[in-house]
Amino acid sequence: MDKLRLKSFFALYIPFFLLSLIIISPKLFFFLKDKDFAGLLINLILVQALVLVPTVFFYLRVKVYYFLLACFCSLMSLFFIPLMLLHKEIHRGMLGLIVNSNIREATELLGWLIVPILAMVIIVFFASRYLMKKLPQNITLKTAIAASVSGLMLVLILGFANIRYYDSFYNAVSANLKSSFPTRYYFDFLNDYRNTWKISNEEYLRTTKDFKFGVIKTSSTNKRKIVVLVIGESCRYDHWQINGYSRQTSPLLAEEHNLLSFHNVASGASVTLRSVPMMITRAGVENWSDHFKQKGLLYAFREAGYYTAWISNQEKEISTANLHIADADTALIKNYNDNNNLIAANNYDENLLLPFTRLIKEKSPDIFIVLHTLGSHWDYRFRVPEGKEKFPVKDFHIVSSSLADKQNLINQYDNTIAYTDEFLDRVIAVLKMSGDDACLLFVSDHGENLMDREGSDLLHTFEPNFFLIKVPLFFWASDNFSNSNPQVISSLIKNQDKPVSSAESIFYTTLHLGNIEIPSDLNFRKHDLCSPFFEESKQKVLKENGTITTLPMLKAEMDKEKED
């Protein structure tokens, strides 16, 4: 009898155990790689316990529960994507990128990998369904209660196992759930949703409805003033010819006699959804999420009497600059909606030129325009019009470094830099034709990994490194602007080689270029690159886990890796 019961138990437990392995399979590789067998055991027990807990709610509809569980198992196969692409475990930062992503970014990133990924989802679904046929298809309420209570007891027992590390039993149980796979991602997502994504345009408008910068215009001229901020995407400092790169990636800007390149600039973060809000507000690195509670550059320029516009070649984003875009007089966002959009059959940044030129010609007051480009965002092949490639490339999509052709990857990337050079040259040509006091700042949101180091470093992630944080910053001025603002030009030249943070300086510098100041802001002079009193930045950088590093520290880490 005991042998029969034992045999019956294993007949039920084996498919149940295999299901739990399917659920944690994306994490299994890393448990084995790190030889963390204790963590593997605890995670397996916890997953099995959590699968048992809902049983009592489905005892009359067990097949429905099995179907939902099979769907959940199949979704777990999506967690293999970062393992396939970057050889890394999915982390909290990736969740933010996923939520802020769109169909274009997803298809460009995955390319042909979409086919095996979808195939894996389907295979896992049917494999899970097959295993569940080995489990009871009908159960009594008594059995369901026993299963749910058993699962709950296992969760609590695991809490007792590590209670000595926490000040309460609740925190011990919670810690298990927040550190295990896949429940940790539920809590990470919930926390980020509460802190960022939950904030709507309406709430932003409500919390900032009485906000005022108290700006003043410091001077005025007979000519109209035009200030343009161009935000680049995934653009590295060291792949620009004018910054010493050996290839001719920026021959057009190299000919601009009124152009300055800053040589020591750090982004505040390595992803757009953090770095851009830092640039266009005063939130800064240490309190970057405060941008939800304050107005930004567009509002400050409007307060000073400027006509403002945001023209973007990127789709509407959930939690980056979207809140502040609403403060513009004109907002044109790629594929945003039927009334306020920028529609094009391609993803080339030159699509921004027509609405940009129209605004310059049609609007009579002083004007401030932000151009948000796609720049050098992956897939690089789709950033450059056919026939404009300067460097030979193979039309082959792959972002896994184990399969990538590094030289082909760099050629594709350098073509995007050369195209950005042409784009900026055309923007400058429009400003020259206006005959106004015009100036332009170009700064990238962050850099890009191009297989610079050993491992699988491609594209960009939440975890910063030197290549992701050192970014280009260019300033250009018309002859009229230079003649009217000699002190500004002198200060910019003086500060050209000093350590700069885009998170600190873009906001204040852009305002100064528009002859705007905020008298009550004590940080204005020390962060303003147009000021003779500019203070060298410590170049703070926000890491994935919310801690702070600096560009010099990232440089030291890179140098140490080279030595090793």
Protein backbone atom coordinates (compact mmCIF):
# COMPACT_ATOMS: atom_id res chain seq x y z
CA MET A 1 0.00 0.00 0.00
CA ASP A 2 2.76 2.40 0.93
CA LYS A 3 4.59 1.59 -2.30
CA LEU A 4 1.44 2.23 -4.30
CA ARG A 5 0.91 5.56 -2.58
CA LEU A 6 4.52 6.51 -3.16
CA LYS A 7 4.27 5.53 -6.81
CA SER A 8 1.04 7.52 -7.15
CA PHE A 9 2.68 10.52 -5.47
CA PHE A 10 5.62 10.54 -7.88
CA ALA A 11 3.29 10.07 -10.84
CA LEU A 12 1.66 13.36 -9.85
CA TYR A 13 4.74 15.17 -8.59
CA ILE A 14 7.04 14.59 -11.59
CA PRO A 15 4.89 16.55 -14.10
CA PHE A 16 4.32 19.16 -11.40
CA PHE A 17 8.08 19.40 -10.83
CA LEU A 18 8.73 19.69 -14.58
CA LEU A 19 6.20 22.52 -14.78
CA SER A 20 8.07 24.42 -12.07
CA LEU A 21 11.30 23.89 -14.01
CA ILE A 22 9.67 25.39 -17.11
CA ILE A 23 8.62 28.44 -15.09
CA ILE A 24 12.11 29.12 -13.74
CA SER A 25 13.96 27.92 -16.86
CA PRO A 26 15.17 31.44 -17.86
CA LYS A 27 16.76 31.76 -14.41
CA LEU A 28 18.00 28.15 -14.30
CA PHE A 29 20.98 28.92 -16.53
CA PHE A 30 22.22 31.58 -14.12
CA PHE A 31 21.67 29.40 -11.02
CA LEU A 32 23.85 26.69 -12.59
CA LYS A 33 26.40 29.15 -13.96
CA ASP A 34 26.86 30.73 -10.50
CA LYS A 35 26.65 27.32 -8.77
CA ASP A 36 23.91 28.75 -6.56
CA PHE A 37 22.27 25.43 -5.76
CA ALA A 38 20.72 26.69 -2.52
CA GLY A 39 19.06 29.54 -4.42
CA LEU A 40 17.85 27.08 -7.05
CA LEU A 41 16.27 24.84 -4.42
CA ILE A 42 14.54 27.72 -2.63
CA ASN A 43 13.28 29.14 -5.91
CA LEU A 44 11.91 25.75 -6.99
CA ILE A 45 10.09 25.26 -3.69
CA LEU A 46 8.65 28.78 -3.80
CA VAL A 47 7.40 28.44 -7.38
CA GLN A 48 5.72 25.12 -6.60
CA ALA A 49 4.15 26.62 -3.50
CA LEU A 50 2.80 29.61 -5.41
CA VAL A 51 1.35 27.35 -8.11
CA LEU A 52 -0.58 25.45 -5.43
CA VAL A 53 -2.01 28.51 -3.62
CA PRO A 54 -4.70 29.47 -6.22
CA THR A 55 -6.05 25.91 -6.47
CA VAL A 56 -8.96 26.52 -4.09
CA PHE A 57 -10.31 29.25 -6.38
CA PHE A 58 -10.42 26.90 -9.38
CA TYR A 59 -11.53 23.57 -7.92
CA LEU A 60 -14.69 23.66 -10.05
CA ARG A 61 -12.72 24.85 -13.09
CA VAL A 62 -9.41 23.03 -12.83
CA LYS A 63 -9.00 22.89 -16.60
CA VAL A 64 -9.33 26.66 -16.76
CA TYR A 65 -6.57 27.00 -14.19
CA TYR A 66 -4.37 24.59 -16.13
CA PHE A 67 -4.94 26.61 -19.30
CA LEU A 68 -4.00 29.86 -17.55
CA LEU A 69 -0.96 28.18 -16.06
CA ALA A 70 0.10 26.95 -19.51
CA CYS A 71 -0.22 30.51 -20.85
CA PHE A 72 1.93 31.73 -17.96
CA CYS A 73 4.56 29.05 -18.66
CA SER A 74 4.70 30.02 -22.33
CA LEU A 75 5.21 33.70 -21.43
CA MET A 76 8.20 32.70 -19.31
CA SER A 77 9.99 31.77 -22.52
CA LEU A 78 10.07 35.50 -23.38
CA PHE A 79 12.53 35.91 -20.52
CA PHE A 80 15.04 34.09 -22.74
CA ILE A 81 15.27 37.16 -25.01
CA PRO A 82 17.95 39.02 -22.98
CA LEU A 83 19.79 35.72 -22.59
CA MET A 84 19.76 35.21 -26.36
CA LEU A 85 20.63 38.80 -27.25
CA LEU A 86 22.90 39.97 -24.42
CA HIS A 87 23.77 36.78 -22.54
CA LYS A 88 22.33 38.46 -19.47
CA GLU A 89 19.46 37.86 -17.08
CA ILE A 90 16.51 40.19 -17.44
CA HIS A 91 16.70 42.94 -14.85
CA ARG A 92 14.55 45.75 -13.55
CA GLY A 93 15.83 48.25 -16.05
CA MET A 94 14.82 46.03 -18.95
CA LEU A 95 11.23 46.09 -17.69
CA GLY A 96 11.24 49.85 -18.07
CA LEU A 97 12.56 49.54 -21.61
CA ILE A 98 9.92 46.92 -22.46
CA VAL A 99 7.06 49.06 -21.16
CA ASN A 100 8.37 52.14 -22.97
CA SER A 101 9.05 50.25 -26.17
CA ASN A 102 6.84 50.05 -29.25
CA ILE A 103 6.25 47.75 -32.19
CA ARG A 104 8.89 49.44 -34.34
CA GLU A 105 11.61 49.13 -31.70
CA ALA A 106 10.67 45.53 -30.92
CA THR A 107 10.73 44.39 -34.54
CA GLU A 108 13.97 46.23 -35.30
CA LEU A 109 15.64 44.82 -32.23
CA LEU A 110 14.55 41.21 -32.66
CA GLY A 111 14.46 40.95 -36.45
CA TRP A 112 14.34 37.31 -37.55
CA LEU A 113 14.64 36.21 -33.91
CA ILE A 114 10.89 36.88 -33.60
CA VAL A 115 10.28 33.57 -35.41
CA PRO A 116 12.17 31.26 -33.00
CA ILE A 117 10.89 33.24 -30.02
CA LEU A 118 7.27 32.80 -31.06
CA ALA A 119 7.97 29.15 -31.85
CA MET A 120 9.38 28.72 -28.35
CA VAL A 121 6.27 30.32 -26.82
CA ILE A 122 4.04 27.89 -28.72
CA ILE A 123 6.17 24.85 -27.92
CA VAL A 124 6.28 25.69 -24.21
CA PHE A 125 2.50 26.18 -24.16
CA PHE A 126 1.77 22.75 -25.61
CA ALA A 127 4.49 21.08 -23.53
CA SER A 128 2.89 22.54 -20.40
CA ARG A 129 -0.57 21.43 -21.51
CA TYR A 130 0.78 17.90 -22.05
CA LEU A 131 2.27 17.78 -18.55
CA MET A 132 -0.98 19.06 -17.04
CA LYS A 133 -2.90 16.17 -18.54
CA LYS A 134 -0.95 14.01 -16.10
CA LEU A 135 -2.43 16.00 -13.21
CA PRO A 136 -5.94 15.50 -11.77
CA GLN A 137 -8.62 16.92 -14.05
CA ASN A 138 -11.27 16.98 -11.33
CA ILE A 139 -10.74 17.66 -7.63
CA THR A 140 -12.92 18.08 -4.58
CA LEU A 141 -13.13 21.22 -2.48
CA LYS A 142 -11.36 19.37 0.31
CA THR A 143 -8.44 18.48 -1.97
CA ALA A 144 -8.30 22.03 -3.31
CA ILE A 145 -8.17 23.51 0.20
CA ALA A 146 -5.42 21.06 1.16
CA ALA A 147 -3.38 22.02 -1.91
CA SER A 148 -3.79 25.78 -1.32
CA VAL A 149 -2.99 25.51 2.39
CA SER A 150 0.07 23.37 1.62
CA GLY A 151 1.33 25.99 -0.82
CA LEU A 152 0.72 28.81 1.65
CA MET A 153 2.47 26.90 4.43
CA LEU A 154 5.53 26.39 2.22
CA VAL A 155 5.68 30.14 1.56
CA LEU A 156 5.51 30.84 5.28
CA ILE A 157 8.09 28.19 6.13
CA LEU A 158 10.53 29.79 3.71
CA GLY A 159 9.88 33.05 5.53
CA PHE A 160 10.75 31.45 8.87
CA ALA A 161 13.98 30.14 7.31
CA ASN A 162 15.41 33.65 6.88
CA ILE A 163 13.56 35.60 9.56
CA ARG A 164 16.82 36.14 11.42
CA TYR A 165 17.88 38.57 8.70
CA TYR A 166 14.79 40.78 9.01
CA ASP A 167 13.01 42.76 11.70
CA SER A 168 9.62 41.09 11.11
CA PHE A 169 8.16 37.88 9.74
CA TYR A 170 6.24 39.87 7.10
CA ASN A 171 9.47 41.38 5.78
CA ALA A 172 11.12 37.95 5.70
CA VAL A 173 8.30 36.49 3.57
CA SER A 174 8.19 39.59 1.39
CA ALA A 175 11.95 39.44 0.82
CA ASN A 176 11.65 35.89 -0.53
CA LEU A 177 9.02 36.94 -3.02
CA LYS A 178 10.88 40.10 -4.04
CA SER A 179 14.14 38.27 -4.69
CA SER A 180 12.88 35.10 -6.40
CA PHE A 181 12.07 34.36 -10.01
CA PRO A 182 9.63 35.34 -11.45
CA THR A 183 7.78 37.09 -8.58
CA ARG A 184 10.51 39.72 -8.20
CA TYR A 185 9.54 41.18 -11.58
CA TYR A 186 5.96 41.62 -10.46
CA PHE A 187 7.13 43.72 -7.50
CA ASP A 188 9.65 45.65 -9.61
CA PHE A 189 6.97 46.42 -12.18
CA LEU A 190 4.47 47.42 -9.48
CA ASN A 191 6.99 49.72 -7.81
CA ASP A 192 7.95 51.43 -11.07
CA TYR A 193 4.31 51.74 -12.06
CA ARG A 194 3.49 53.50 -8.80
CA ASN A 195 6.49 55.81 -9.03
CA THR A 196 6.44 56.65 -12.73
CA TRP A 197 4.01 55.13 -15.19
CA LYS A 198 0.97 55.78 -12.99
CA ILE A 199 1.53 59.52 -13.29
CA SER A 200 -0.71 60.75 -16.08
CA ASN A 201 -0.72 64.00 -18.02
CA GLU A 202 -3.71 65.11 -15.97
CA GLU A 203 -1.91 64.52 -12.67
CA TYR A 204 1.21 66.28 -13.93
CA LEU A 205 -0.89 69.28 -14.95
CA ARG A 206 -2.66 69.26 -11.59
CA THR A 207 0.51 69.10 -9.49
CA THR A 208 2.27 71.77 -11.55
CA LYS A 209 -0.67 74.07 -12.34
CA ASP A 210 0.66 76.87 -10.14
CA PHE A 211 4.31 76.29 -11.04
CA LYS A 212 6.33 79.32 -12.13
CA PHE A 213 10.05 79.62 -12.82
CA GLY A 214 10.04 83.37 -12.38
CA VAL A 215 12.18 83.82 -15.50
CA ILE A 216 13.44 87.17 -16.78
CA LYS A 217 14.77 88.11 -20.19
CA THR A 218 18.19 89.66 -19.75
CA SER A 219 18.41 91.44 -23.10
CA SER A 220 16.69 91.87 -26.42
CA THR A 221 17.78 92.70 -29.96
CA ASN A 222 16.04 93.90 -33.08
CA LYS A 223 16.42 90.48 -34.63
CA ARG A 224 14.30 87.47 -33.75
CA LYS A 225 16.05 84.90 -31.58
CA ILE A 226 15.91 81.20 -32.49
CA VAL A 227 17.20 78.56 -30.06
CA VAL A 228 17.28 74.93 -31.21
CA LEU A 229 18.03 71.92 -29.02
CA VAL A 230 18.67 68.72 -30.97
CA ILE A 231 18.54 65.57 -28.84
CA GLY A 232 20.53 62.76 -30.41
CA GLU A 233 19.95 59.06 -29.80
CA SER A 234 22.55 56.40 -28.88
CA CYS A 235 25.32 58.62 -30.23
CA ARG A 236 28.90 58.10 -29.03
CA TYR A 237 31.44 60.86 -28.54
CA ASP A 238 34.34 58.88 -29.99
CA HIS A 239 32.76 58.05 -33.37
CA TRP A 240 32.73 61.67 -34.53
CA GLN A 241 35.48 62.82 -36.85
CA ILE A 242 35.49 66.27 -35.21
CA ASN A 243 36.26 64.55 -31.90
CA GLY A 244 39.33 62.79 -33.28
CA TYR A 245 37.80 59.69 -34.86
CA SER A 246 39.91 58.38 -37.73
CA ARG A 247 36.97 58.00 -40.12
CA GLN A 248 35.27 60.84 -41.96
CA THR A 249 31.96 60.67 -40.12
CA SER A 250 31.42 64.44 -39.77
CA PRO A 251 33.06 66.28 -42.68
CA LEU A 252 30.21 68.80 -42.94
CA LEU A 253 30.26 69.95 -39.32
CA ALA A 254 34.06 70.05 -39.50
CA GLU A 255 33.69 72.89 -42.01
CA GLU A 256 31.43 74.99 -39.74
CA HIS A 257 33.61 77.80 -38.37
CA ASN A 258 31.07 78.75 -35.67
CA LEU A 259 30.84 75.23 -34.23
CA LEU A 260 32.27 74.11 -30.88
CA SER A 261 32.59 70.52 -29.68
CA PHE A 262 32.76 69.88 -25.93
CA HIS A 263 35.23 67.13 -25.10
CA ASN A 264 34.31 65.89 -21.63
CA VAL A 265 30.55 65.50 -21.34
CA ALA A 266 28.71 62.85 -19.32
CA SER A 267 25.11 61.81 -19.70
CA GLY A 268 23.14 61.42 -16.48
CA ALA A 269 22.02 57.88 -17.38
CA SER A 270 22.49 55.24 -20.05
CA VAL A 271 18.86 55.04 -21.22
CA THR A 272 16.55 57.62 -22.79
CA LEU A 273 13.71 57.39 -20.30
CA ARG A 274 16.03 58.70 -17.59
CA SER A 275 18.56 60.86 -19.41
CA VAL A 276 16.17 63.04 -21.44
CA PRO A 277 14.03 64.18 -18.47
CA MET A 278 17.26 65.11 -16.66
CA MET A 279 18.33 67.29 -19.59
CA ILE A 280 15.12 69.23 -20.03
CA THR A 281 14.34 69.82 -16.33
CA ARG A 282 16.22 70.67 -13.15
CA ALA A 283 15.59 67.25 -11.59
CA GLY A 284 19.24 66.17 -11.75
CA VAL A 285 20.77 62.72 -11.30
CA GLU A 286 20.12 62.18 -7.61
CA ASN A 287 16.43 63.08 -7.85
CA TRP A 288 15.71 62.31 -11.51
CA SER A 289 12.09 61.25 -10.89
CA ASP A 290 11.35 64.78 -9.61
CA HIS A 291 10.82 65.74 -13.24
CA PHE A 292 7.26 64.49 -12.71
CA LYS A 293 6.75 67.30 -10.20
CA GLN A 294 8.17 70.26 -12.08
CA LYS A 295 8.02 72.01 -15.42
CA GLY A 296 10.80 71.89 -17.98
CA LEU A 297 12.53 73.88 -20.71
CA LEU A 298 9.47 74.25 -22.93
CA TYR A 299 7.49 75.88 -20.13
CA ALA A 300 10.40 78.15 -19.14
CA PHE A 301 10.75 79.45 -22.69
CA ARG A 302 6.99 79.99 -22.97
CA GLU A 303 7.08 81.89 -19.69
CA ALA A 304 9.68 84.16 -21.29
CA GLY A 305 7.44 84.83 -24.31
CA TYR A 306 8.96 82.36 -26.77
CA TYR A 307 6.94 80.27 -29.21
CA THR A 308 7.87 76.66 -28.40
CA ALA A 309 7.79 73.42 -30.38
CA TRP A 310 8.78 69.80 -29.87
CA ILE A 311 9.26 67.82 -33.09
CA SER A 312 10.07 64.17 -32.57
CA ASN A 313 11.00 61.30 -34.87
CA GLN A 314 10.38 58.95 -31.97
CA GLU A 315 7.01 57.50 -31.08
CA LYS A 316 5.10 58.70 -28.03
CA GLU A 317 6.84 57.53 -24.89
CA ILE A 318 5.18 56.63 -21.61
CA SER A 319 7.42 58.07 -18.97
CA THR A 320 10.24 60.12 -20.45
CA ALA A 321 9.67 63.60 -21.83
CA ASN A 322 6.03 63.05 -22.74
CA LEU A 323 4.70 65.04 -19.78
CA HIS A 324 6.81 68.06 -20.69
CA ILE A 325 5.97 67.88 -24.40
CA ALA A 326 2.44 68.95 -23.48
CA ASP A 327 3.87 72.35 -22.49
CA ALA A 328 4.87 73.12 -26.09
CA ASP A 329 2.79 75.39 -28.32
CA THR A 330 3.32 72.86 -31.10
CA ALA A 331 4.08 69.16 -30.59
CA LEU A 332 4.65 66.91 -33.58
CA ILE A 333 5.38 63.32 -32.57
CA LYS A 334 5.86 60.46 -34.99
CA ASN A 335 2.67 58.40 -35.38
CA TYR A 336 1.16 60.01 -32.27
CA ASN A 337 -2.45 60.63 -33.29
CA ASP A 338 -4.58 61.78 -36.21
CA ASN A 339 -4.47 65.47 -35.32
CA ASN A 340 -0.98 65.99 -34.02
CA ASN A 341 1.48 63.71 -35.73
CA LEU A 342 4.50 63.35 -37.95
CA ILE A 343 3.69 60.66 -40.50
CA ALA A 344 6.32 59.24 -42.83
CA ALA A 345 6.87 55.99 -44.65
CA ASN A 346 10.36 55.66 -43.17
CA ASN A 347 12.26 56.41 -39.96
CA TYR A 348 14.78 58.92 -41.30
CA ASP A 349 15.48 62.04 -39.27
CA GLU A 350 15.23 64.23 -42.36
CA ASN A 351 11.45 63.92 -41.87
CA LEU A 352 11.86 66.56 -39.17
CA LEU A 353 13.20 69.17 -41.59
CA LEU A 354 9.94 70.12 -43.31
CA PRO A 355 7.94 70.96 -40.14
CA PHE A 356 11.05 72.58 -38.66
CA THR A 357 11.50 74.84 -41.69
CA ARG A 358 7.81 75.74 -41.74
CA LEU A 359 7.90 76.84 -38.10
CA ILE A 360 10.94 79.01 -38.74
CA LYS A 361 9.20 80.68 -41.68
CA GLU A 362 5.67 80.99 -40.27
CA LYS A 363 6.24 82.05 -36.65
CA SER A 364 7.26 85.65 -36.01
CA PRO A 365 8.13 85.78 -32.27
CA ASP A 366 11.30 84.41 -30.66
CA ILE A 367 11.18 80.66 -31.03
CA PHE A 368 12.53 77.63 -29.17
CA ILE A 369 12.46 74.24 -30.91
CA VAL A 370 13.45 70.78 -29.70
CA LEU A 371 14.23 68.20 -32.40
CA HIS A 372 14.20 64.67 -30.97
CA THR A 373 15.91 62.35 -33.43
CA LEU A 374 16.21 58.59 -33.87
CA GLY A 375 19.89 59.15 -34.62
CA SER A 376 21.87 55.97 -34.04
CA HIS A 377 19.21 53.82 -32.41
CA TRP A 378 19.31 50.17 -33.41
CA ASP A 379 18.53 48.88 -36.09
CA TYR A 380 21.23 51.05 -37.67
CA ARG A 381 20.32 49.87 -41.18
CA PHE A 382 16.99 51.72 -40.97
CA ARG A 383 18.46 55.09 -39.97
CA VAL A 384 20.18 55.94 -43.27
CA PRO A 385 18.44 56.38 -46.65
CA GLU A 386 19.53 54.01 -49.37
CA GLY A 387 22.46 55.35 -51.32
CA LYS A 388 23.76 57.53 -48.48
CA GLU A 389 25.88 54.86 -46.79
CA LYS A 390 29.51 55.97 -46.59
CA PHE A 391 30.84 52.67 -45.30
CA PRO A 392 30.10 49.23 -46.82
CA VAL A 393 27.64 47.06 -44.93
CA LYS A 394 26.05 43.65 -45.23
CA ASP A 395 22.28 43.58 -44.91
CA PHE A 396 22.31 41.15 -42.02
CA HIS A 397 20.39 41.50 -38.78
CA ILE A 398 21.95 40.15 -35.62
CA VAL A 399 22.49 41.67 -32.21
CA SER A 400 24.01 38.66 -30.48
CA SER A 401 27.72 39.33 -30.08
CA SER A 402 28.50 35.64 -30.49
CA LEU A 403 27.26 35.84 -34.08
CA ALA A 404 27.81 39.50 -34.94
CA ASP A 405 30.33 40.73 -37.49
CA LYS A 406 31.96 43.51 -35.48
CA GLN A 407 33.30 45.47 -38.45
CA ASN A 408 29.96 45.30 -40.21
CA LEU A 409 28.29 46.48 -37.01
CA ILE A 410 30.66 49.46 -36.73
CA ASN A 411 30.21 50.30 -40.41
CA GLN A 412 26.44 50.38 -39.93
CA TYR A 413 26.81 52.53 -36.83
CA ASP A 414 29.27 54.95 -38.45
CA ASN A 415 26.82 55.43 -41.32
CA THR A 416 24.28 56.70 -38.80
CA ILE A 417 26.82 59.20 -37.44
CA ALA A 418 27.61 60.44 -40.95
CA TYR A 419 23.89 60.79 -41.65
CA THR A 420 23.44 62.76 -38.41
CA ASP A 421 26.27 65.01 -39.59
CA GLU A 422 24.29 65.69 -42.78
CA PHE A 423 21.06 66.20 -40.85
CA LEU A 424 22.63 68.76 -38.50
CA ASP A 425 24.23 70.52 -41.45
CA ARG A 426 20.80 70.88 -43.06
CA VAL A 427 19.27 72.19 -39.82
CA ILE A 428 22.08 74.76 -39.59
CA ALA A 429 21.48 75.74 -43.24
CA VAL A 430 17.84 76.57 -42.38
CA LEU A 431 18.98 78.70 -39.45
CA LYS A 432 21.51 80.52 -41.62
CA MET A 433 18.83 81.30 -44.19
CA SER A 434 16.59 82.85 -41.53
CA GLY A 435 19.05 85.70 -40.94
CA ASP A 436 18.10 85.75 -37.24
CA ASP A 437 20.08 85.51 -34.03
CA ALA A 438 20.14 81.70 -34.17
CA CYS A 439 21.99 79.06 -32.21
CA LEU A 440 21.89 75.29 -31.81
CA LEU A 441 22.86 72.75 -29.18
CA PHE A 442 23.22 69.08 -30.08
CA VAL A 443 23.58 66.51 -27.32
CA SER A 444 23.01 62.77 -27.28
CA ASP A 445 20.87 61.10 -24.65
CA HIS A 446 23.51 58.37 -24.15
CA GLY A 447 26.07 56.33 -26.08
CA GLU A 448 26.11 52.79 -27.41
CA ASN A 449 27.98 49.53 -26.87
CA LEU A 450 29.76 48.27 -29.98
CA MET A 451 31.45 45.11 -28.73
CA ASP A 452 34.14 47.28 -27.12
CA ARG A 453 34.78 44.91 -24.27
CA GLU A 454 34.93 41.19 -23.81
CA GLY A 455 31.54 39.64 -23.31
CA SER A 456 28.32 40.55 -25.03
CA ASP A 457 28.10 44.31 -24.80
CA LEU A 458 25.83 45.57 -27.57
CA LEU A 459 23.30 48.40 -27.77
CA HIS A 460 22.55 50.10 -24.44
CA THR A 461 21.18 49.04 -21.07
CA PHE A 462 20.31 50.57 -17.70
CA GLU A 463 23.72 49.63 -16.31
CA PRO A 464 26.15 52.41 -17.36
CA ASN A 465 29.68 52.10 -18.64
CA PHE A 466 32.14 54.60 -20.10
CA PHE A 467 31.00 54.06 -23.69
CA LEU A 468 27.34 54.61 -22.78
CA ILE A 469 27.94 57.76 -20.73
CA LYS A 470 30.50 59.87 -22.60
CA VAL A 471 28.43 61.74 -25.18
CA PRO A 472 28.93 64.42 -27.85
CA LEU A 473 27.83 68.00 -27.22
CA PHE A 474 28.04 70.56 -30.04
CA PHE A 475 27.24 74.25 -30.10
CA TRP A 476 26.71 76.30 -33.25
CA ALA A 477 25.82 79.99 -33.61
CA SER A 478 24.98 82.22 -36.53
CA ASP A 479 27.21 85.19 -37.25
CA ASN A 480 24.47 87.49 -35.93
CA PHE A 481 24.30 85.57 -32.66
CA SER A 482 28.10 85.53 -32.27
CA ASN A 483 28.34 89.25 -32.87
CA SER A 484 25.50 90.02 -30.43
CA ASN A 485 26.77 87.69 -27.67
CA PRO A 486 30.59 87.86 -27.52
CA GLN A 487 30.66 87.08 -23.77
CA VAL A 488 28.59 83.93 -24.31
CA ILE A 489 30.91 82.71 -27.04
CA SER A 490 33.96 83.49 -24.90
CA SER A 491 32.58 81.51 -21.94
CA LEU A 492 31.63 78.53 -24.11
CA ILE A 493 35.15 78.38 -25.52
CA LYS A 494 36.61 78.69 -22.02
CA ASN A 495 34.44 75.80 -20.75
CA GLN A 496 34.92 73.60 -23.81
CA ASP A 497 37.29 71.11 -22.17
CA LYS A 498 35.93 71.13 -18.61
CA PRO A 499 34.01 68.20 -17.10
CA VAL A 500 30.34 68.69 -17.97
CA SER A 501 27.12 66.84 -17.11
CA SER A 502 24.26 67.05 -19.60
CA ALA A 503 21.88 66.36 -16.71
CA GLU A 504 23.08 69.55 -14.98
CA SER A 505 23.99 71.92 -17.80
CA ILE A 506 21.64 71.52 -20.77
CA PHE A 507 18.68 73.14 -19.00
CA TYR A 508 20.56 76.22 -17.81
CA THR A 509 22.77 76.62 -20.88
CA THR A 510 19.81 76.46 -23.27
CA LEU A 511 17.97 79.12 -21.29
CA HIS A 512 21.01 81.41 -21.29
CA LEU A 513 21.26 81.04 -25.07
CA GLY A 514 17.76 82.50 -25.17
CA ASN A 515 18.81 85.39 -22.88
CA ILE A 516 16.69 83.90 -20.09
CA GLU A 517 17.60 83.64 -16.43
CA ILE A 518 15.94 82.40 -13.26
CA PRO A 519 17.12 84.83 -10.53
CA SER A 520 15.89 82.62 -7.70
CA ASP A 521 17.86 79.58 -8.88
CA LEU A 522 21.26 79.48 -7.16
CA ASN A 523 22.47 76.68 -9.47
CA PHE A 524 22.09 78.75 -12.62
CA ARG A 525 25.56 80.27 -12.89
CA LYS A 526 27.54 77.21 -11.79
CA HIS A 527 25.82 74.82 -14.25
CA ASP A 528 25.52 77.27 -17.16
CA LEU A 529 28.18 76.70 -19.83
CA CYS A 530 27.60 80.25 -21.11
CA SER A 531 28.69 81.65 -17.76
CA PRO A 532 32.25 82.65 -16.81
CA PHE A 533 31.39 81.27 -13.36
CA PHE A 534 30.68 77.73 -14.56
CA GLU A 535 31.94 75.12 -12.09
CA GLU A 536 33.40 71.80 -13.23
CA SER A 537 30.93 68.97 -12.81
CA LYS A 538 31.48 65.80 -10.81
CA GLN A 539 29.67 64.08 -13.70
CA LYS A 540 27.32 61.96 -11.63
CA VAL A 541 25.61 59.02 -13.32
CA LEU A 542 22.51 57.11 -12.25
CA LYS A 543 22.97 53.34 -12.11
CA GLU A 544 20.30 50.71 -12.64
CA ASN A 545 19.72 50.13 -8.92
CA GLY A 546 19.38 53.86 -8.17
CA THR A 547 22.88 54.33 -6.80
CA ILE A 548 25.28 56.95 -8.16
CA THR A 549 28.59 56.56 -9.95
CA THR A 550 30.62 59.07 -11.99
CA LEU A 551 32.18 59.22 -15.45
CA PRO A 552 35.74 59.21 -13.97
CA MET A 553 34.86 56.07 -12.02
CA LEU A 554 33.51 54.41 -15.16
CA LYS A 555 36.71 55.43 -16.98
CA ALA A 556 38.80 53.84 -14.22
CA GLU A 557 36.75 50.64 -14.45
CA MET A 558 37.30 50.52 -18.22
CA ASP A 559 41.05 51.10 -17.86
CA LYS A 560 41.30 48.35 -15.25
CA GLU A 561 39.50 45.90 -17.53
CA LYS A 562 41.98 46.71 -20.30
CA GLU A 563 44.90 46.02 -17.96
CA ASP A 564 43.40 42.71 -16.85
